[in-house]
C-alpha atoms as a PDB file:
ATOM      1  CA  UNK A   1      53.118  -2.479   7.751  1.00  0.00           C
ATOM      2  CA  UNK A   2      55.204  -5.248   7.888  1.00  0.00           C
ATOM      3  CA  UNK A   3      54.197  -6.099  10.803  1.00  0.00           C
ATOM      4  CA  UNK A   4      50.747  -6.203   9.762  1.00  0.00           C
ATOM      5  CA  UNK A   5      51.647  -8.465   6.288  1.00  0.00           C
ATOM      6  CA  UNK A   6      53.254 -10.733   9.657  1.00  0.00           C
ATOM      7  CA  UNK A   7      50.426 -10.896  11.282  1.00  0.00           C
ATOM      8  CA  UNK A   8      47.626 -11.415   8.125  1.00  0.00           C
ATOM      9  CA  UNK A   9      50.451 -14.447   6.412  1.00  0.00           C
ATOM     10  CA  UNK A  10      50.472 -16.784   9.611  1.00  0.00           C
ATOM     11  CA  UNK A  11      46.305 -15.844  10.412  1.00  0.00           C
ATOM     12  CA  UNK A  12      45.610 -16.561   7.008  1.00  0.00           C
ATOM     13  CA  UNK A  13      48.363 -20.221   7.607  1.00  0.00           C
ATOM     14  CA  UNK A  14      46.266 -20.779  11.058  1.00  0.00           C
ATOM     15  CA  UNK A  15      43.181 -21.173   9.084  1.00  0.00           C
ATOM     16  CA  UNK A  16      44.565 -22.827   5.342  1.00  0.00           C
ATOM     17  CA  UNK A  17      43.810 -20.708   3.187  1.00  0.00           C
ATOM     18  CA  UNK A  18      46.580 -19.430  -0.155  1.00  0.00           C
ATOM     19  CA  UNK A  19      49.436 -16.784   1.032  1.00  0.00           C
ATOM     20  CA  UNK A  20      52.740 -15.611  -0.627  1.00  0.00           C
ATOM     21  CA  UNK A  21      55.202 -15.540   2.167  1.00  0.00           C
ATOM     22  CA  UNK A  22      57.763 -12.834   2.189  1.00  0.00           C
ATOM     23  CA  UNK A  23      55.924 -11.118  -0.660  1.00  0.00           C
ATOM     24  CA  UNK A  24      55.425  -6.950   0.031  1.00  0.00           C
ATOM     25  CA  UNK A  25      54.023  -4.797  -2.649  1.00  0.00           C
ATOM     26  CA  UNK A  26      56.621  -1.938  -3.626  1.00  0.00           C
ATOM     27  CA  UNK A  27      52.807   0.318  -3.864  1.00  0.00           C
ATOM     28  CA  UNK A  28      54.151   1.661  -7.421  1.00  0.00           C
ATOM     29  CA  UNK A  29      52.991   0.774 -11.032  1.00  0.00           C
ATOM     30  CA  UNK A  30      55.592  -0.643 -13.307  1.00  0.00           C
ATOM     31  CA  UNK A  31      58.057  -1.390 -10.316  1.00  0.00           C
ATOM     32  CA  UNK A  32      58.675  -5.009 -12.406  1.00  0.00           C
ATOM     33  CA  UNK A  33      60.892  -3.036 -14.356  1.00  0.00           C
ATOM     34  CA  UNK A  34      63.103  -3.137 -11.747  1.00  0.00           C
ATOM     35  CA  UNK A  35      63.408  -6.221 -11.394  1.00  0.00           C
ATOM     36  CA  UNK A  36      63.876  -8.125 -14.303  1.00  0.00           C
ATOM     37  CA  UNK A  37      66.622  -8.044 -16.174  1.00  0.00           C
ATOM     38  CA  UNK A  38      66.687  -7.202 -20.076  1.00  0.00           C
ATOM     39  CA  UNK A  39      67.235 -10.061 -20.834  1.00  0.00           C
ATOM     40  CA  UNK A  40      64.116 -11.660 -18.932  1.00  0.00           C
ATOM     41  CA  UNK A  41      61.825  -8.045 -19.920  1.00  0.00           C
ATOM     42  CA  UNK A  42      62.888  -9.658 -24.044  1.00  0.00           C
ATOM     43  CA  UNK A  43      61.002 -12.990 -22.330  1.00  0.00           C
ATOM     44  CA  UNK A  44      58.050 -11.481 -21.629  1.00  0.00           C
ATOM     45  CA  UNK A  45      56.791  -8.783 -23.613  1.00  0.00           C
ATOM     46  CA  UNK A  46      57.836 -12.056 -26.820  1.00  0.00           C
ATOM     47  CA  UNK A  47      55.567 -13.980 -24.628  1.00  0.00           C
ATOM     48  CA  UNK A  48      52.934 -11.842 -24.116  1.00  0.00           C
ATOM     49  CA  UNK A  49      52.586 -11.395 -28.274  1.00  0.00           C
ATOM     50  CA  UNK A  50      52.092 -14.902 -28.757  1.00  0.00           C
ATOM     51  CA  UNK A  51      49.877 -14.958 -26.613  1.00  0.00           C
ATOM     52  CA  UNK A  52      47.600 -12.032 -27.512  1.00  0.00           C
ATOM     53  CA  UNK A  53      48.411 -13.256 -31.644  1.00  0.00           C
ATOM     54  CA  UNK A  54      47.053 -16.486 -30.158  1.00  0.00           C
ATOM     55  CA  UNK A  55      43.454 -15.482 -28.273  1.00  0.00           C
ATOM     56  CA  UNK A  56      43.904 -12.381 -31.313  1.00  0.00           C
ATOM     57  CA  UNK A  57      44.121  -9.883 -28.840  1.00  0.00           C
ATOM     58  CA  UNK A  58      45.372  -5.823 -29.024  1.00  0.00           C
ATOM     59  CA  UNK A  59      48.619  -5.158 -28.483  1.00  0.00           C
ATOM     60  CA  UNK A  60      47.905  -2.415 -27.556  1.00  0.00           C
ATOM     61  CA  UNK A  61      44.352  -4.114 -25.107  1.00  0.00           C
ATOM     62  CA  UNK A  62      48.352  -3.929 -22.150  1.00  0.00           C
ATOM     63  CA  UNK A  63      50.443  -0.599 -21.905  1.00  0.00           C
ATOM     64  CA  UNK A  64      52.794  -1.599 -20.608  1.00  0.00           C
END
């Protein structure tokens, strides 16, 4: 998988297309919870709540 990813990145770079360097998805829903600190998670939810209010979206629309 990693070899295929590196091959794809090299090809995209040669073609001038954007790609995320050193990014391999973990393949799990909600894996971000293992990466963010509690402070970062609180900030994420605060910004999410602000944006939902700004655009008139219900908070229940997005399930974390």
